[in-house]
N, C-alpha and C. Protein backbone atom coordinates (compact mmCIF):
# COMPACT_ATOMS: atom_id res chain seq x y z
N MET A 1 -33.77 -31.38 -13.17
CA MET A 1 -34.20 -32.33 -12.16
C MET A 1 -35.06 -31.59 -11.12
N ALA A 2 -36.19 -32.18 -10.78
CA ALA A 2 -37.13 -31.56 -9.84
C ALA A 2 -36.60 -31.66 -8.41
N THR A 3 -36.80 -30.59 -7.69
CA THR A 3 -36.39 -30.58 -6.29
C THR A 3 -37.45 -31.28 -5.44
N MET A 4 -37.12 -31.54 -4.17
CA MET A 4 -38.09 -32.17 -3.27
C MET A 4 -39.32 -31.28 -3.11
N LYS A 5 -39.10 -29.98 -3.06
CA LYS A 5 -40.21 -29.02 -2.94
C LYS A 5 -41.15 -29.14 -4.13
N ASP A 6 -40.58 -29.27 -5.35
CA ASP A 6 -41.40 -29.39 -6.55
C ASP A 6 -42.20 -30.70 -6.55
N ARG A 7 -41.57 -31.77 -6.11
CA ARG A 7 -42.27 -33.07 -6.06
C ARG A 7 -43.42 -33.03 -5.06
N VAL A 8 -43.16 -32.47 -3.89
CA VAL A 8 -44.21 -32.37 -2.87
C VAL A 8 -45.34 -31.48 -3.38
N LEU A 9 -45.00 -30.39 -4.06
CA LEU A 9 -46.01 -29.50 -4.63
C LEU A 9 -46.88 -30.24 -5.64
N GLU A 10 -46.27 -31.05 -6.50
CA GLU A 10 -47.03 -31.83 -7.49
C GLU A 10 -48.03 -32.76 -6.79
N VAL A 11 -47.55 -33.48 -5.79
CA VAL A 11 -48.42 -34.41 -5.05
C VAL A 11 -49.56 -33.65 -4.38
N ALA A 12 -49.23 -32.52 -3.78
CA ALA A 12 -50.25 -31.73 -3.08
C ALA A 12 -51.30 -31.19 -4.04
N LEU A 13 -50.87 -30.76 -5.21
CA LEU A 13 -51.84 -30.22 -6.18
C LEU A 13 -52.78 -31.31 -6.69
N VAL A 14 -52.26 -32.51 -6.85
CA VAL A 14 -53.13 -33.63 -7.24
C VAL A 14 -54.09 -33.94 -6.09
N ALA A 15 -53.56 -33.97 -4.87
CA ALA A 15 -54.37 -34.27 -3.69
C ALA A 15 -55.45 -33.21 -3.46
N ALA A 16 -55.18 -31.98 -3.88
CA ALA A 16 -56.13 -30.88 -3.66
C ALA A 16 -57.47 -31.15 -4.34
N ARG A 17 -57.45 -31.92 -5.42
CA ARG A 17 -58.68 -32.25 -6.13
C ARG A 17 -59.60 -33.14 -5.30
N TYR A 18 -58.99 -33.87 -4.35
CA TYR A 18 -59.73 -34.84 -3.56
C TYR A 18 -59.89 -34.44 -2.09
N GLY A 19 -59.68 -33.16 -1.80
CA GLY A 19 -59.71 -32.69 -0.42
C GLY A 19 -61.00 -32.96 0.32
N GLY A 20 -62.12 -32.95 -0.38
CA GLY A 20 -63.40 -33.19 0.26
C GLY A 20 -63.79 -34.66 0.35
N SER A 21 -62.95 -35.55 -0.18
CA SER A 21 -63.25 -36.98 -0.14
C SER A 21 -63.20 -37.50 1.28
N TRP A 22 -63.98 -38.55 1.53
CA TRP A 22 -64.05 -39.11 2.89
C TRP A 22 -62.71 -39.66 3.35
N TRP A 23 -61.87 -40.10 2.41
CA TRP A 23 -60.62 -40.77 2.76
C TRP A 23 -59.44 -39.82 2.93
N MET A 24 -59.58 -38.58 2.52
CA MET A 24 -58.44 -37.65 2.61
C MET A 24 -57.97 -37.42 4.05
N PRO A 25 -58.86 -37.28 5.04
CA PRO A 25 -58.35 -37.16 6.42
C PRO A 25 -57.55 -38.39 6.86
N LEU A 26 -57.89 -39.56 6.34
CA LEU A 26 -57.13 -40.77 6.69
C LEU A 26 -55.74 -40.74 6.07
N VAL A 27 -55.63 -40.16 4.88
CA VAL A 27 -54.30 -39.98 4.27
C VAL A 27 -53.48 -39.01 5.12
N LEU A 28 -54.12 -37.94 5.57
CA LEU A 28 -53.44 -36.98 6.45
C LEU A 28 -52.98 -37.67 7.73
N LEU A 29 -53.81 -38.51 8.30
CA LEU A 29 -53.44 -39.25 9.51
C LEU A 29 -52.23 -40.14 9.25
N ALA A 30 -52.22 -40.86 8.14
CA ALA A 30 -51.10 -41.75 7.83
C ALA A 30 -49.80 -40.95 7.65
N VAL A 31 -49.87 -39.85 6.95
CA VAL A 31 -48.68 -39.01 6.75
C VAL A 31 -48.19 -38.45 8.09
N CYS A 32 -49.13 -38.05 8.95
CA CYS A 32 -48.78 -37.53 10.27
C CYS A 32 -48.07 -38.59 11.10
N ILE A 33 -48.58 -39.82 11.08
CA ILE A 33 -47.95 -40.90 11.85
C ILE A 33 -46.53 -41.14 11.37
N VAL A 34 -46.34 -41.16 10.06
CA VAL A 34 -44.98 -41.34 9.52
C VAL A 34 -44.08 -40.20 9.99
N ASN A 35 -44.58 -38.98 9.94
CA ASN A 35 -43.80 -37.82 10.34
C ASN A 35 -43.46 -37.87 11.83
N VAL A 36 -44.42 -38.22 12.67
CA VAL A 36 -44.18 -38.29 14.11
C VAL A 36 -43.19 -39.40 14.43
N MET A 37 -43.33 -40.53 13.78
CA MET A 37 -42.44 -41.66 14.07
C MET A 37 -41.02 -41.39 13.59
N ALA A 38 -40.87 -40.49 12.63
CA ALA A 38 -39.54 -40.12 12.15
C ALA A 38 -38.87 -39.11 13.08
N ALA A 39 -39.59 -38.66 14.10
CA ALA A 39 -39.07 -37.73 15.12
C ALA A 39 -38.48 -36.46 14.51
N GLY A 40 -39.12 -35.96 13.47
CA GLY A 40 -38.67 -34.71 12.88
C GLY A 40 -37.57 -34.85 11.84
N ALA A 41 -37.13 -36.08 11.57
CA ALA A 41 -36.03 -36.29 10.62
C ALA A 41 -36.46 -36.05 9.17
N LEU A 42 -37.74 -36.16 8.89
CA LEU A 42 -38.23 -36.00 7.52
C LEU A 42 -39.03 -34.71 7.33
N THR A 43 -38.67 -33.69 8.07
CA THR A 43 -39.43 -32.44 8.06
C THR A 43 -39.53 -31.84 6.67
N PHE A 44 -38.46 -31.90 5.88
CA PHE A 44 -38.46 -31.22 4.59
C PHE A 44 -39.14 -32.01 3.48
N SER A 45 -39.61 -33.21 3.77
CA SER A 45 -40.36 -33.97 2.77
C SER A 45 -41.73 -34.33 3.34
N VAL A 46 -41.76 -35.24 4.30
CA VAL A 46 -43.04 -35.68 4.87
C VAL A 46 -43.70 -34.55 5.65
N GLY A 47 -42.90 -33.77 6.36
CA GLY A 47 -43.46 -32.65 7.12
C GLY A 47 -44.11 -31.62 6.22
N LEU A 48 -43.47 -31.32 5.11
CA LEU A 48 -44.03 -30.37 4.15
C LEU A 48 -45.32 -30.92 3.54
N LEU A 49 -45.32 -32.21 3.22
CA LEU A 49 -46.52 -32.85 2.68
C LEU A 49 -47.65 -32.82 3.72
N GLN A 50 -47.30 -33.03 4.98
CA GLN A 50 -48.30 -32.99 6.05
C GLN A 50 -48.96 -31.61 6.14
N VAL A 51 -48.16 -30.56 6.06
CA VAL A 51 -48.71 -29.20 6.12
C VAL A 51 -49.65 -28.96 4.94
N MET A 52 -49.24 -29.38 3.77
CA MET A 52 -50.08 -29.15 2.60
C MET A 52 -51.38 -29.95 2.69
N LEU A 53 -51.31 -31.20 3.13
CA LEU A 53 -52.52 -32.01 3.27
C LEU A 53 -53.45 -31.42 4.34
N PHE A 54 -52.88 -30.90 5.40
CA PHE A 54 -53.68 -30.25 6.44
C PHE A 54 -54.45 -29.08 5.83
N ASN A 55 -53.77 -28.25 5.07
CA ASN A 55 -54.43 -27.11 4.42
C ASN A 55 -55.52 -27.57 3.46
N ILE A 56 -55.25 -28.64 2.73
CA ILE A 56 -56.23 -29.17 1.78
C ILE A 56 -57.48 -29.64 2.51
N VAL A 57 -57.30 -30.42 3.57
CA VAL A 57 -58.45 -30.92 4.33
C VAL A 57 -59.24 -29.76 4.93
N VAL A 58 -58.54 -28.80 5.50
CA VAL A 58 -59.22 -27.67 6.14
C VAL A 58 -59.97 -26.82 5.13
N LEU A 59 -59.34 -26.50 4.01
CA LEU A 59 -59.95 -25.61 3.03
C LEU A 59 -61.02 -26.28 2.17
N SER A 60 -61.01 -27.60 2.08
CA SER A 60 -61.98 -28.32 1.25
C SER A 60 -63.29 -28.60 1.97
N ARG A 61 -63.34 -28.31 3.25
CA ARG A 61 -64.51 -28.67 4.06
C ARG A 61 -65.08 -27.44 4.75
N LYS A 62 -66.36 -27.24 4.56
CA LYS A 62 -66.99 -26.08 5.17
C LYS A 62 -67.30 -26.33 6.65
N TYR A 63 -67.92 -27.45 6.96
CA TYR A 63 -68.33 -27.73 8.33
C TYR A 63 -67.48 -28.79 9.02
N THR A 64 -66.79 -29.60 8.27
CA THR A 64 -65.98 -30.68 8.88
C THR A 64 -64.49 -30.39 8.79
N PHE A 65 -64.13 -29.12 8.72
CA PHE A 65 -62.72 -28.74 8.65
C PHE A 65 -61.94 -29.20 9.88
N PHE A 66 -62.65 -29.40 11.00
CA PHE A 66 -62.00 -29.82 12.24
C PHE A 66 -61.38 -31.21 12.12
N LEU A 67 -61.70 -31.95 11.06
CA LEU A 67 -61.08 -33.26 10.86
C LEU A 67 -59.56 -33.14 10.65
N GLY A 68 -59.11 -32.04 10.07
CA GLY A 68 -57.67 -31.81 9.90
C GLY A 68 -56.95 -31.78 11.24
N PRO A 69 -57.35 -30.88 12.15
CA PRO A 69 -56.72 -30.85 13.47
C PRO A 69 -56.87 -32.17 14.23
N LEU A 70 -58.03 -32.80 14.11
CA LEU A 70 -58.26 -34.06 14.82
C LEU A 70 -57.30 -35.15 14.33
N MET A 71 -57.11 -35.26 13.02
CA MET A 71 -56.22 -36.28 12.48
C MET A 71 -54.76 -36.06 12.92
N LEU A 72 -54.31 -34.80 12.91
CA LEU A 72 -52.95 -34.52 13.36
C LEU A 72 -52.78 -34.80 14.85
N SER A 73 -53.81 -34.53 15.62
CA SER A 73 -53.74 -34.79 17.06
C SER A 73 -53.72 -36.29 17.33
N ILE A 74 -54.54 -37.05 16.60
CA ILE A 74 -54.54 -38.51 16.75
C ILE A 74 -53.19 -39.08 16.32
N GLY A 75 -52.63 -38.56 15.23
CA GLY A 75 -51.31 -39.02 14.80
C GLY A 75 -50.24 -38.77 15.84
N SER A 76 -50.32 -37.62 16.51
CA SER A 76 -49.36 -37.31 17.57
C SER A 76 -49.51 -38.26 18.75
N ILE A 77 -50.75 -38.63 19.05
CA ILE A 77 -50.99 -39.57 20.16
C ILE A 77 -50.47 -40.96 19.81
N VAL A 78 -50.67 -41.39 18.58
CA VAL A 78 -50.14 -42.70 18.17
C VAL A 78 -48.62 -42.71 18.33
N GLY A 79 -47.96 -41.68 17.85
CA GLY A 79 -46.51 -41.58 18.01
C GLY A 79 -46.11 -41.45 19.47
N GLY A 80 -46.84 -40.62 20.22
CA GLY A 80 -46.55 -40.43 21.63
C GLY A 80 -46.68 -41.72 22.42
N TYR A 81 -47.75 -42.47 22.15
CA TYR A 81 -47.95 -43.76 22.84
C TYR A 81 -46.81 -44.73 22.52
N THR A 82 -46.40 -44.74 21.26
CA THR A 82 -45.29 -45.61 20.86
C THR A 82 -44.01 -45.22 21.60
N TYR A 83 -43.74 -43.93 21.68
CA TYR A 83 -42.54 -43.47 22.39
C TYR A 83 -42.62 -43.78 23.89
N VAL A 84 -43.81 -43.68 24.48
CA VAL A 84 -43.98 -44.03 25.89
C VAL A 84 -43.65 -45.51 26.11
N GLN A 85 -44.15 -46.36 25.22
CA GLN A 85 -43.88 -47.79 25.36
C GLN A 85 -42.40 -48.10 25.19
N ILE A 86 -41.74 -47.42 24.29
CA ILE A 86 -40.30 -47.60 24.12
C ILE A 86 -39.57 -47.18 25.39
N MET A 87 -39.98 -46.06 25.96
CA MET A 87 -39.35 -45.57 27.19
C MET A 87 -39.57 -46.55 28.35
N LYS A 88 -40.74 -47.18 28.40
CA LYS A 88 -41.06 -48.09 29.50
C LYS A 88 -40.35 -49.43 29.37
N THR A 89 -39.96 -49.80 28.18
CA THR A 89 -39.31 -51.10 27.98
C THR A 89 -37.79 -50.97 27.91
N GLN A 90 -37.27 -50.05 28.67
CA GLN A 90 -35.83 -49.84 28.76
C GLN A 90 -35.21 -49.48 27.41
N GLY A 91 -36.01 -48.95 26.50
CA GLY A 91 -35.50 -48.52 25.21
C GLY A 91 -35.16 -47.04 25.19
N ALA A 92 -35.07 -46.47 26.38
CA ALA A 92 -34.83 -45.02 26.48
C ALA A 92 -33.53 -44.61 25.82
N GLU A 93 -32.48 -45.37 26.05
CA GLU A 93 -31.18 -45.02 25.45
C GLU A 93 -31.23 -45.05 23.93
N ALA A 94 -31.84 -46.09 23.39
CA ALA A 94 -31.95 -46.20 21.93
C ALA A 94 -32.80 -45.07 21.36
N LEU A 95 -33.90 -44.73 22.06
CA LEU A 95 -34.76 -43.64 21.60
C LEU A 95 -34.02 -42.31 21.65
N LEU A 96 -33.29 -42.08 22.72
CA LEU A 96 -32.53 -40.84 22.84
C LEU A 96 -31.49 -40.73 21.72
N GLU A 97 -30.82 -41.83 21.42
CA GLU A 97 -29.81 -41.81 20.36
C GLU A 97 -30.44 -41.62 18.99
N SER A 98 -31.57 -42.31 18.74
CA SER A 98 -32.18 -42.22 17.40
C SER A 98 -32.76 -40.84 17.12
N THR A 99 -33.19 -40.14 18.16
CA THR A 99 -33.74 -38.79 17.95
C THR A 99 -32.66 -37.72 18.03
N GLY A 100 -31.45 -38.12 18.39
CA GLY A 100 -30.36 -37.16 18.50
C GLY A 100 -30.43 -36.34 19.78
N ALA A 101 -31.22 -36.81 20.74
CA ALA A 101 -31.44 -36.05 21.96
C ALA A 101 -30.46 -36.40 23.08
N LYS A 102 -29.75 -37.48 22.93
CA LYS A 102 -28.88 -37.93 24.01
C LYS A 102 -27.79 -36.88 24.29
N GLY A 103 -27.78 -36.42 25.53
CA GLY A 103 -26.76 -35.46 25.96
C GLY A 103 -26.96 -34.04 25.45
N SER A 104 -28.12 -33.75 24.87
CA SER A 104 -28.32 -32.41 24.31
C SER A 104 -28.80 -31.42 25.37
N ASP A 105 -28.44 -30.18 25.16
CA ASP A 105 -28.85 -29.13 26.08
C ASP A 105 -30.35 -28.90 26.04
N TRP A 106 -30.95 -28.95 24.84
CA TRP A 106 -32.38 -28.67 24.73
C TRP A 106 -33.21 -29.75 25.39
N LEU A 107 -32.74 -31.02 25.39
CA LEU A 107 -33.48 -32.05 26.11
C LEU A 107 -33.39 -31.81 27.61
N ALA A 108 -32.22 -31.36 28.07
CA ALA A 108 -32.06 -31.05 29.50
C ALA A 108 -33.00 -29.91 29.89
N LYS A 109 -33.13 -28.90 29.02
CA LYS A 109 -34.05 -27.79 29.31
C LYS A 109 -35.50 -28.27 29.31
N ALA A 110 -35.85 -29.09 28.31
CA ALA A 110 -37.22 -29.61 28.22
C ALA A 110 -37.55 -30.45 29.45
N THR A 111 -36.62 -31.30 29.86
CA THR A 111 -36.83 -32.12 31.04
C THR A 111 -36.94 -31.25 32.28
N GLY A 112 -36.14 -30.19 32.34
CA GLY A 112 -36.21 -29.25 33.46
C GLY A 112 -37.58 -28.60 33.57
N TYR A 113 -38.14 -28.19 32.42
CA TYR A 113 -39.49 -27.62 32.43
C TYR A 113 -40.50 -28.65 32.93
N ALA A 114 -40.36 -29.90 32.45
CA ALA A 114 -41.31 -30.94 32.88
C ALA A 114 -41.17 -31.23 34.37
N GLU A 115 -39.93 -31.26 34.87
CA GLU A 115 -39.72 -31.54 36.30
C GLU A 115 -40.19 -30.38 37.17
N ASP A 116 -39.87 -29.16 36.77
CA ASP A 116 -40.18 -27.99 37.58
C ASP A 116 -41.65 -27.58 37.53
N TYR A 117 -42.28 -27.72 36.36
CA TYR A 117 -43.63 -27.19 36.19
C TYR A 117 -44.67 -28.26 35.86
N GLY A 118 -44.25 -29.51 35.70
CA GLY A 118 -45.19 -30.60 35.44
C GLY A 118 -45.96 -30.42 34.15
N VAL A 119 -47.28 -30.52 34.25
CA VAL A 119 -48.16 -30.43 33.08
C VAL A 119 -48.01 -29.07 32.40
N LEU A 120 -47.90 -28.01 33.17
CA LEU A 120 -47.73 -26.67 32.58
C LEU A 120 -46.42 -26.56 31.80
N GLY A 121 -45.38 -27.23 32.29
CA GLY A 121 -44.10 -27.23 31.57
C GLY A 121 -44.22 -27.91 30.22
N LEU A 122 -44.91 -29.06 30.20
CA LEU A 122 -45.12 -29.75 28.92
C LEU A 122 -46.02 -28.93 27.99
N LEU A 123 -47.02 -28.31 28.57
CA LEU A 123 -47.91 -27.47 27.77
C LEU A 123 -47.13 -26.32 27.14
N PHE A 124 -46.25 -25.71 27.92
CA PHE A 124 -45.41 -24.64 27.39
C PHE A 124 -44.55 -25.16 26.23
N LEU A 125 -43.94 -26.33 26.41
CA LEU A 125 -43.10 -26.89 25.35
C LEU A 125 -43.91 -27.19 24.09
N GLN A 126 -45.16 -27.57 24.29
CA GLN A 126 -46.01 -27.91 23.15
C GLN A 126 -46.45 -26.68 22.37
N ILE A 127 -46.70 -25.56 23.06
CA ILE A 127 -47.24 -24.40 22.35
C ILE A 127 -46.20 -23.34 21.99
N VAL A 128 -44.96 -23.53 22.44
CA VAL A 128 -43.91 -22.58 22.09
C VAL A 128 -43.77 -22.57 20.56
N PRO A 129 -43.49 -21.42 19.96
CA PRO A 129 -43.46 -21.35 18.49
C PRO A 129 -42.34 -22.15 17.83
N ILE A 130 -41.39 -22.62 18.58
CA ILE A 130 -40.33 -23.45 18.02
C ILE A 130 -40.87 -24.87 17.90
N PRO A 131 -40.83 -25.48 16.71
CA PRO A 131 -41.40 -26.83 16.59
C PRO A 131 -40.57 -27.86 17.37
N ILE A 132 -41.20 -28.45 18.35
CA ILE A 132 -40.55 -29.48 19.16
C ILE A 132 -41.24 -30.80 18.85
N PRO A 133 -40.50 -31.79 18.36
CA PRO A 133 -41.11 -33.07 18.01
C PRO A 133 -41.80 -33.73 19.21
N THR A 134 -42.83 -34.50 18.91
CA THR A 134 -43.57 -35.23 19.94
C THR A 134 -42.64 -36.11 20.75
N ALA A 135 -41.64 -36.70 20.09
CA ALA A 135 -40.70 -37.58 20.79
C ALA A 135 -40.01 -36.84 21.93
N VAL A 136 -39.63 -35.61 21.71
CA VAL A 136 -38.92 -34.84 22.74
C VAL A 136 -39.85 -34.53 23.90
N ILE A 137 -41.12 -34.20 23.60
CA ILE A 137 -42.09 -33.93 24.66
C ILE A 137 -42.28 -35.17 25.52
N VAL A 138 -42.43 -36.33 24.87
CA VAL A 138 -42.62 -37.58 25.59
C VAL A 138 -41.39 -37.92 26.42
N ILE A 139 -40.22 -37.80 25.82
CA ILE A 139 -38.98 -38.11 26.54
C ILE A 139 -38.85 -37.20 27.76
N ALA A 140 -39.11 -35.91 27.58
CA ALA A 140 -39.00 -34.97 28.70
C ALA A 140 -39.97 -35.35 29.82
N GLY A 141 -41.20 -35.67 29.46
CA GLY A 141 -42.19 -36.05 30.47
C GLY A 141 -41.85 -37.34 31.18
N MET A 142 -41.37 -38.32 30.43
CA MET A 142 -41.05 -39.62 31.03
C MET A 142 -39.78 -39.55 31.88
N VAL A 143 -38.78 -38.79 31.43
CA VAL A 143 -37.55 -38.63 32.22
C VAL A 143 -37.87 -37.89 33.51
N ALA A 144 -38.84 -36.97 33.46
CA ALA A 144 -39.26 -36.22 34.65
C ALA A 144 -40.19 -37.06 35.53
N LYS A 145 -40.40 -38.31 35.17
CA LYS A 145 -41.23 -39.25 35.96
C LYS A 145 -42.70 -38.81 36.03
N MET A 146 -43.19 -38.21 34.95
CA MET A 146 -44.60 -37.82 34.91
C MET A 146 -45.43 -39.04 34.51
N ASP A 147 -46.69 -39.03 34.90
CA ASP A 147 -47.62 -40.10 34.54
C ASP A 147 -47.83 -40.08 33.02
N GLU A 148 -47.77 -41.25 32.40
CA GLU A 148 -47.88 -41.31 30.94
C GLU A 148 -49.22 -40.79 30.44
N PHE A 149 -50.29 -41.03 31.20
CA PHE A 149 -51.61 -40.53 30.80
C PHE A 149 -51.60 -39.00 30.74
N LYS A 150 -50.97 -38.36 31.71
CA LYS A 150 -50.89 -36.90 31.72
C LYS A 150 -50.09 -36.39 30.53
N VAL A 151 -48.99 -37.06 30.23
CA VAL A 151 -48.14 -36.65 29.10
C VAL A 151 -48.94 -36.74 27.80
N LEU A 152 -49.62 -37.87 27.59
CA LEU A 152 -50.38 -38.05 26.35
C LEU A 152 -51.59 -37.12 26.29
N THR A 153 -52.22 -36.85 27.42
CA THR A 153 -53.35 -35.94 27.45
C THR A 153 -52.92 -34.52 27.09
N VAL A 154 -51.80 -34.09 27.64
CA VAL A 154 -51.28 -32.76 27.31
C VAL A 154 -50.98 -32.66 25.82
N ILE A 155 -50.35 -33.69 25.28
CA ILE A 155 -50.02 -33.69 23.86
C ILE A 155 -51.30 -33.58 23.02
N PHE A 156 -52.28 -34.43 23.31
CA PHE A 156 -53.50 -34.46 22.51
C PHE A 156 -54.29 -33.14 22.60
N LEU A 157 -54.58 -32.72 23.82
CA LEU A 157 -55.42 -31.53 23.98
C LEU A 157 -54.74 -30.25 23.50
N SER A 158 -53.44 -30.13 23.76
CA SER A 158 -52.75 -28.92 23.30
C SER A 158 -52.64 -28.90 21.78
N LYS A 159 -52.35 -30.06 21.19
CA LYS A 159 -52.29 -30.12 19.71
C LYS A 159 -53.65 -29.80 19.11
N LEU A 160 -54.70 -30.41 19.67
CA LEU A 160 -56.04 -30.20 19.12
C LEU A 160 -56.44 -28.73 19.20
N THR A 161 -56.17 -28.11 20.33
CA THR A 161 -56.51 -26.69 20.49
C THR A 161 -55.70 -25.82 19.55
N GLN A 162 -54.39 -26.03 19.55
CA GLN A 162 -53.49 -25.23 18.71
C GLN A 162 -53.82 -25.40 17.23
N LEU A 163 -54.06 -26.63 16.80
CA LEU A 163 -54.32 -26.88 15.38
C LEU A 163 -55.72 -26.42 14.96
N THR A 164 -56.69 -26.43 15.87
CA THR A 164 -58.01 -25.92 15.54
C THR A 164 -57.94 -24.41 15.33
N ILE A 165 -57.19 -23.74 16.18
CA ILE A 165 -56.99 -22.29 15.99
C ILE A 165 -56.27 -22.04 14.66
N THR A 166 -55.27 -22.84 14.37
CA THR A 166 -54.55 -22.72 13.09
C THR A 166 -55.50 -22.92 11.92
N ALA A 167 -56.38 -23.92 12.00
CA ALA A 167 -57.33 -24.19 10.93
C ALA A 167 -58.26 -23.01 10.71
N LEU A 168 -58.73 -22.41 11.80
CA LEU A 168 -59.59 -21.24 11.68
C LEU A 168 -58.86 -20.07 11.03
N VAL A 169 -57.61 -19.89 11.39
CA VAL A 169 -56.81 -18.82 10.80
C VAL A 169 -56.59 -19.08 9.31
N VAL A 170 -56.28 -20.33 8.95
CA VAL A 170 -56.08 -20.68 7.53
C VAL A 170 -57.35 -20.40 6.74
N LYS A 171 -58.49 -20.80 7.28
CA LYS A 171 -59.76 -20.53 6.58
C LYS A 171 -59.99 -19.03 6.41
N TYR A 172 -59.63 -18.26 7.43
CA TYR A 172 -59.83 -16.81 7.37
C TYR A 172 -58.89 -16.15 6.36
N VAL A 173 -57.60 -16.47 6.43
CA VAL A 173 -56.63 -15.79 5.56
C VAL A 173 -56.67 -16.27 4.11
N SER A 174 -57.27 -17.42 3.88
CA SER A 174 -57.33 -17.93 2.50
C SER A 174 -58.31 -17.14 1.65
N GLU A 175 -59.18 -16.39 2.27
CA GLU A 175 -60.13 -15.53 1.55
C GLU A 175 -60.86 -16.27 0.44
N ASN A 176 -61.44 -17.42 0.79
CA ASN A 176 -62.23 -18.24 -0.13
C ASN A 176 -61.44 -18.79 -1.31
N GLN A 177 -60.14 -18.90 -1.18
CA GLN A 177 -59.35 -19.55 -2.23
C GLN A 177 -59.63 -21.05 -2.20
N THR A 178 -59.46 -21.68 -3.36
CA THR A 178 -59.53 -23.13 -3.38
C THR A 178 -58.23 -23.66 -2.75
N PRO A 179 -58.23 -24.91 -2.33
CA PRO A 179 -56.98 -25.46 -1.77
C PRO A 179 -55.81 -25.35 -2.75
N GLU A 180 -56.08 -25.59 -4.04
CA GLU A 180 -55.02 -25.51 -5.04
C GLU A 180 -54.45 -24.08 -5.13
N GLU A 181 -55.32 -23.09 -5.15
CA GLU A 181 -54.86 -21.69 -5.22
C GLU A 181 -54.06 -21.32 -3.97
N PHE A 182 -54.54 -21.76 -2.82
CA PHE A 182 -53.86 -21.45 -1.57
C PHE A 182 -52.47 -22.08 -1.53
N ILE A 183 -52.36 -23.33 -1.94
CA ILE A 183 -51.07 -24.02 -1.93
C ILE A 183 -50.11 -23.36 -2.91
N ARG A 184 -50.59 -23.06 -4.09
CA ARG A 184 -49.73 -22.37 -5.07
C ARG A 184 -49.24 -21.03 -4.53
N SER A 185 -50.13 -20.28 -3.90
CA SER A 185 -49.72 -18.97 -3.38
C SER A 185 -48.70 -19.12 -2.26
N GLN A 186 -48.82 -20.16 -1.45
CA GLN A 186 -47.87 -20.38 -0.36
C GLN A 186 -46.52 -20.87 -0.88
N MET A 187 -46.54 -21.75 -1.85
CA MET A 187 -45.30 -22.33 -2.37
C MET A 187 -44.55 -21.39 -3.30
N ASP A 188 -45.30 -20.58 -4.04
CA ASP A 188 -44.65 -19.67 -4.98
C ASP A 188 -44.28 -18.35 -4.33
N GLY A 189 -44.58 -18.20 -3.07
CA GLY A 189 -44.27 -16.96 -2.37
C GLY A 189 -45.10 -15.79 -2.88
N GLY A 190 -46.29 -16.10 -3.37
CA GLY A 190 -47.15 -15.03 -3.83
C GLY A 190 -46.97 -14.69 -5.30
N ALA A 191 -46.07 -15.36 -6.00
CA ALA A 191 -45.82 -15.07 -7.41
C ALA A 191 -47.07 -15.33 -8.24
N ALA A 192 -47.83 -16.38 -7.88
CA ALA A 192 -49.05 -16.71 -8.62
C ALA A 192 -50.09 -15.60 -8.47
N GLU A 193 -50.18 -15.02 -7.28
CA GLU A 193 -51.13 -13.93 -7.06
C GLU A 193 -50.76 -12.70 -7.87
N ASP A 194 -49.47 -12.38 -7.93
CA ASP A 194 -49.01 -11.23 -8.70
C ASP A 194 -49.34 -11.38 -10.19
N GLU A 195 -49.19 -12.63 -10.70
CA GLU A 195 -49.49 -12.87 -12.11
C GLU A 195 -50.96 -12.65 -12.39
N LYS A 196 -51.84 -13.11 -11.47
CA LYS A 196 -53.28 -12.93 -11.65
C LYS A 196 -53.65 -11.45 -11.66
N LYS A 197 -53.03 -10.67 -10.78
CA LYS A 197 -53.34 -9.26 -10.70
C LYS A 197 -52.91 -8.51 -11.95
N GLU A 198 -51.79 -8.96 -12.57
CA GLU A 198 -51.31 -8.31 -13.80
C GLU A 198 -52.24 -8.59 -14.98
N ASP A 199 -52.86 -9.78 -15.00
CA ASP A 199 -53.76 -10.15 -16.10
C ASP A 199 -55.05 -9.42 -15.95
């Protein structure tokens, strides 16, 4: 029986053939929105697919690789805006419970950063190497009584900057590999590269 990793790899390898298609960034956007709306609950399936599609879009495009970071940033804003609206309509308790954040220490710390440092606190939470879901950033900003426009702007601009740098790094470290070769090398832990070198 195939594992979730194997299934996602199969889908990604098929998608790699279409990385340069006009519609592939839209697929990445749709997957990102699903992942953001799940508040990190589907990290090992949808999140993994999102990473692979991001790599495919970035590696398949010479001059329009920035569409990958842009689509993920737009997806985060769509999710962020939705979470802001939920928070504004007295749905804060339900949102906190559904994300598992209610009464958690890390939400208290995130809110503390937002209250104490404002925009810089949210920016820190966004760029820290520990993956923090968009929902938590929005909740922290809204609980700290920050302006929703500022919260969404921080999310968009920090994601766009961070992901553009990531895209440039991916293009550099891939050493002109095709998206399919790059995905195989990442998923197999380099086993595919070792086999090529032996042949």
